N, C-alpha and C. Protein backbone atom coordinates (compact mmCIF):
# COMPACT_ATOMS: atom_id res chain seq x y z
N MET A 1 -27.52 93.71 57.83
CA MET A 1 -27.86 94.48 58.99
C MET A 1 -28.75 94.66 58.81
N LYS A 2 -28.94 95.44 60.38
CA LYS A 2 -29.98 95.81 60.79
C LYS A 2 -31.38 96.12 60.71
N ASN A 3 -31.45 97.79 59.90
CA ASN A 3 -32.70 98.36 59.39
C ASN A 3 -31.94 99.25 58.42
N LYS A 4 -32.18 100.19 58.05
CA LYS A 4 -32.30 100.36 55.93
C LYS A 4 -31.49 101.77 57.16
N ASN A 5 -31.60 102.84 58.77
CA ASN A 5 -30.59 103.31 58.67
C ASN A 5 -29.52 102.64 59.15
N GLN A 6 -28.68 102.13 59.56
CA GLN A 6 -27.74 101.65 58.87
C GLN A 6 -26.87 101.97 58.52
N GLY A 7 -25.60 101.85 58.21
CA GLY A 7 -24.98 102.22 57.51
C GLY A 7 -24.96 103.99 56.33
N LYS A 8 -25.83 104.35 56.55
CA LYS A 8 -26.35 105.77 55.73
C LYS A 8 -25.89 106.50 55.82
N ASN A 9 -24.90 106.91 57.21
CA ASN A 9 -23.83 107.60 57.09
C ASN A 9 -21.66 107.20 57.22
N MET A 10 -22.18 105.61 56.89
CA MET A 10 -21.58 105.50 56.35
C MET A 10 -20.48 106.02 54.08
N MET A 11 -22.49 105.75 53.96
CA MET A 11 -22.61 106.06 52.44
C MET A 11 -22.30 106.98 52.24
N MET A 12 -22.87 108.63 53.50
CA MET A 12 -22.63 109.68 53.08
C MET A 12 -21.28 109.68 53.58
N GLY A 13 -20.41 109.21 54.03
CA GLY A 13 -18.77 109.45 53.79
C GLY A 13 -18.12 109.46 53.43
N ILE A 14 -18.74 108.33 52.66
CA ILE A 14 -17.92 107.38 50.69
C ILE A 14 -17.55 108.80 50.04
N THR A 15 -19.63 109.10 49.84
CA THR A 15 -19.69 110.36 48.94
C THR A 15 -18.88 111.73 49.48
N PHE A 16 -18.47 112.24 50.40
CA PHE A 16 -17.99 113.29 50.46
C PHE A 16 -17.06 113.49 50.65
N GLY A 17 -16.33 111.80 50.80
CA GLY A 17 -14.50 111.46 50.46
C GLY A 17 -14.24 112.03 48.94
N ILE A 18 -15.63 110.98 48.44
CA ILE A 18 -15.31 111.05 46.84
C ILE A 18 -15.11 112.51 46.10
N ILE A 19 -15.66 114.17 46.83
CA ILE A 19 -16.20 114.86 46.26
C ILE A 19 -15.28 115.51 46.51
N PHE A 20 -15.32 115.64 48.48
CA PHE A 20 -14.00 116.81 48.96
C PHE A 20 -12.70 116.31 48.05
N GLY A 21 -12.44 115.25 48.42
CA GLY A 21 -10.99 114.69 47.42
C GLY A 21 -11.16 114.41 45.87
N SER A 22 -11.97 114.56 45.84
CA SER A 22 -11.75 114.93 44.68
C SER A 22 -11.28 116.68 43.69
N ALA A 23 -12.46 117.93 44.49
CA ALA A 23 -12.35 119.28 44.28
C ALA A 23 -11.09 119.20 45.13
N LEU A 24 -9.72 119.04 45.87
CA LEU A 24 -8.35 118.59 46.29
C LEU A 24 -7.70 118.77 45.37
N GLY A 25 -7.85 117.38 44.76
CA GLY A 25 -6.83 117.04 43.66
C GLY A 25 -7.50 117.51 42.37
N VAL A 26 -7.81 118.05 42.24
CA VAL A 26 -8.26 119.49 40.92
C VAL A 26 -7.25 120.70 40.78
N SER A 27 -8.00 120.90 42.27
CA SER A 27 -7.22 122.15 43.00
C SER A 27 -5.63 122.41 43.01
N ARG A 28 -5.15 120.51 43.48
CA ARG A 28 -3.79 120.96 43.69
C ARG A 28 -2.82 119.50 43.01
N GLY A 29 -3.78 118.98 42.41
CA GLY A 29 -2.75 118.35 41.70
C GLY A 29 -3.11 116.54 42.42
N ASN A 30 -1.97 115.13 41.64
CA ASN A 30 -2.01 114.69 42.63
C ASN A 30 -3.86 113.73 43.49
N MET A 31 -4.36 114.07 42.11
CA MET A 31 -5.86 113.86 42.97
C MET A 31 -6.03 112.19 42.84
N GLY A 32 -4.87 110.86 42.95
CA GLY A 32 -5.32 109.61 43.76
C GLY A 32 -5.02 109.96 44.83
N LEU A 33 -3.83 111.13 45.88
CA LEU A 33 -3.33 110.86 46.36
C LEU A 33 -4.81 111.11 47.98
N TRP A 34 -4.89 113.32 47.12
CA TRP A 34 -6.04 113.08 47.80
C TRP A 34 -7.30 112.62 47.77
N VAL A 35 -8.08 111.95 46.95
CA VAL A 35 -9.32 111.21 46.32
C VAL A 35 -9.18 110.39 48.32
N GLY A 36 -7.52 109.47 47.80
CA GLY A 36 -8.02 108.53 48.99
C GLY A 36 -7.74 108.58 50.40
N LEU A 37 -7.18 109.85 50.47
CA LEU A 37 -6.80 111.03 51.65
C LEU A 37 -8.17 110.89 51.76
N GLY A 38 -9.28 111.95 50.87
CA GLY A 38 -10.72 111.93 51.57
C GLY A 38 -11.46 110.93 52.08
N LEU A 39 -11.13 109.69 51.53
CA LEU A 39 -11.69 108.58 50.74
C LEU A 39 -12.01 107.70 52.49
N SER A 40 -10.36 108.70 52.51
CA SER A 40 -10.30 107.04 54.58
C SER A 40 -10.74 108.41 55.28
N LEU A 41 -11.08 109.19 55.49
CA LEU A 41 -11.42 109.90 56.26
C LEU A 41 -13.09 110.27 56.12
N GLY A 42 -13.03 110.61 54.69
CA GLY A 42 -14.89 110.03 55.10
C GLY A 42 -15.31 108.45 55.71
N ILE A 43 -14.64 107.58 55.45
CA ILE A 43 -15.43 106.39 55.76
C ILE A 43 -15.03 106.67 57.24
N THR A 44 -13.73 106.88 57.45
CA THR A 44 -13.73 107.57 59.26
C THR A 44 -14.67 107.56 60.08
N LEU A 45 -15.03 109.24 59.04
CA LEU A 45 -16.00 109.78 59.88
C LEU A 45 -17.11 108.73 60.55
N GLY A 46 -17.67 108.78 58.88
CA GLY A 46 -19.12 107.94 58.40
C GLY A 46 -19.52 106.54 59.24
N SER A 47 -18.18 105.53 60.18
CA SER A 47 -18.17 104.61 60.72
C SER A 47 -18.57 104.97 62.04
N LEU A 48 -18.07 105.89 62.43
CA LEU A 48 -18.04 106.21 63.93
C LEU A 48 -19.26 106.94 63.82
N ALA A 49 -19.80 108.11 63.01
CA ALA A 49 -21.58 108.36 63.61
C ALA A 49 -22.63 107.56 63.58
N ASP A 50 -21.89 105.72 62.50
CA ASP A 50 -22.60 104.80 62.28
C ASP A 50 -22.83 104.24 63.58
N TYR A 51 -21.70 104.24 64.51
CA TYR A 51 -21.32 103.64 66.12
C TYR A 51 -21.57 104.35 67.29
N TRP A 52 -21.26 105.53 66.58
CA TRP A 52 -22.48 106.41 68.34
C TRP A 52 -23.90 106.63 68.11
N SER A 53 -25.16 106.33 66.61
CA SER A 53 -26.16 106.47 66.63
C SER A 53 -26.69 104.93 66.97
N GLU A 54 -25.70 104.15 67.35
CA GLU A 54 -26.46 103.12 67.38
C GLU A 54 -26.65 102.63 68.78
N LYS A 55 -25.03 103.33 69.55
CA LYS A 55 -24.74 102.69 70.78
C LYS A 55 -26.00 104.31 71.58
N ASN A 56 -26.48 104.82 70.82
CA ASN A 56 -27.43 105.48 71.81
C ASN A 56 -28.71 105.49 71.76
N LYS A 57 -29.12 104.66 70.93
CA LYS A 57 -30.75 104.61 71.08
C LYS A 57 -31.31 104.06 72.19
């Protein structure tokens, strides 16, 4: 990693995915499916945000 801020959005995306997926899993059942979906969405958005912030410096 080049600096401290790199990967920050990825960590926020992972945290968001766990919280979002857990909430949906509790309300709709099938926790593993929703946590996995939330994590994949959060990781995708976090990596895209990291990519754009590095590109637009």
